[in-house]
Amino acid sequence: MAIVKATVVRVNAQLSRRMNSTHTSTTTNTGMCRLE
């Protein structure tokens, strides 16, 4: 499970960088927190 979490964190970080100018990154972060 730890490996999966690490992958999710990496993907989330990439999405946050791509959507840095929008609020989509905030929504994604909230979704990831709920999954955790």
C-alpha atoms as a PDB file:
ATOM      1  CA  MET A   1       0.000   0.000   0.000  1.00  0.00           C
ATOM      2  CA  ALA A   2       2.897   2.340   0.721  1.00  0.00           C
ATOM      3  CA  ILE A   3       4.081   2.053  -2.885  1.00  0.00           C
ATOM      4  CA  VAL A   4       0.615   2.922  -4.162  1.00  0.00           C
ATOM      5  CA  LYS A   5       0.443   5.959  -1.884  1.00  0.00           C
ATOM      6  CA  ALA A   6       3.843   7.156  -3.099  1.00  0.00           C
ATOM      7  CA  THR A   7       2.681   6.846  -6.709  1.00  0.00           C
ATOM      8  CA  VAL A   8      -0.513   8.741  -5.950  1.00  0.00           C
ATOM      9  CA  VAL A   9       1.478  11.513  -4.299  1.00  0.00           C
ATOM     10  CA  ARG A  10       3.740  11.782  -7.348  1.00  0.00           C
ATOM     11  CA  VAL A  11       0.813  11.904  -9.763  1.00  0.00           C
ATOM     12  CA  ASN A  12      -0.961  14.436  -7.562  1.00  0.00           C
ATOM     13  CA  ALA A  13       2.161  16.604  -7.506  1.00  0.00           C
ATOM     14  CA  GLN A  14       2.368  16.533 -11.309  1.00  0.00           C
ATOM     15  CA  LEU A  15      -1.297  17.474 -11.628  1.00  0.00           C
ATOM     16  CA  SER A  16      -0.841  20.307  -9.151  1.00  0.00           C
ATOM     17  CA  ARG A  17       2.014  21.708 -11.230  1.00  0.00           C
ATOM     18  CA  ARG A  18       0.024  21.488 -14.457  1.00  0.00           C
ATOM     19  CA  MET A  19      -3.086  23.034 -12.905  1.00  0.00           C
ATOM     20  CA  ASN A  20      -1.197  25.506 -10.732  1.00  0.00           C
ATOM     21  CA  SER A  21      -3.040  28.440 -12.313  1.00  0.00           C
ATOM     22  CA  THR A  22      -6.466  26.949 -11.597  1.00  0.00           C
ATOM     23  CA  HIS A  23      -8.404  25.644  -8.611  1.00  0.00           C
ATOM     24  CA  THR A  24      -8.426  22.131 -10.047  1.00  0.00           C
ATOM     25  CA  SER A  25      -5.322  21.279  -8.033  1.00  0.00           C
ATOM     26  CA  THR A  26      -7.170  22.096  -4.798  1.00  0.00           C
ATOM     27  CA  THR A  27     -10.024  19.790  -5.758  1.00  0.00           C
ATOM     28  CA  THR A  28      -7.570  17.015  -6.621  1.00  0.00           C
ATOM     29  CA  ASN A  29      -5.774  17.408  -3.300  1.00  0.00           C
ATOM     30  CA  THR A  30      -9.076  17.162  -1.430  1.00  0.00           C
ATOM     31  CA  GLY A  31      -9.971  14.009  -3.332  1.00  0.00           C
ATOM     32  CA  MET A  32      -6.621  12.414  -2.524  1.00  0.00           C
ATOM     33  CA  CYS A  33      -6.995  13.262   1.159  1.00  0.00           C
ATOM     34  CA  ARG A  34     -10.389  11.552   1.172  1.00  0.00           C
ATOM     35  CA  LEU A  35      -8.926   8.434  -0.452  1.00  0.00           C
ATOM     36  CA  GLU A  36      -6.220   8.292   2.176  1.00  0.00           C
END
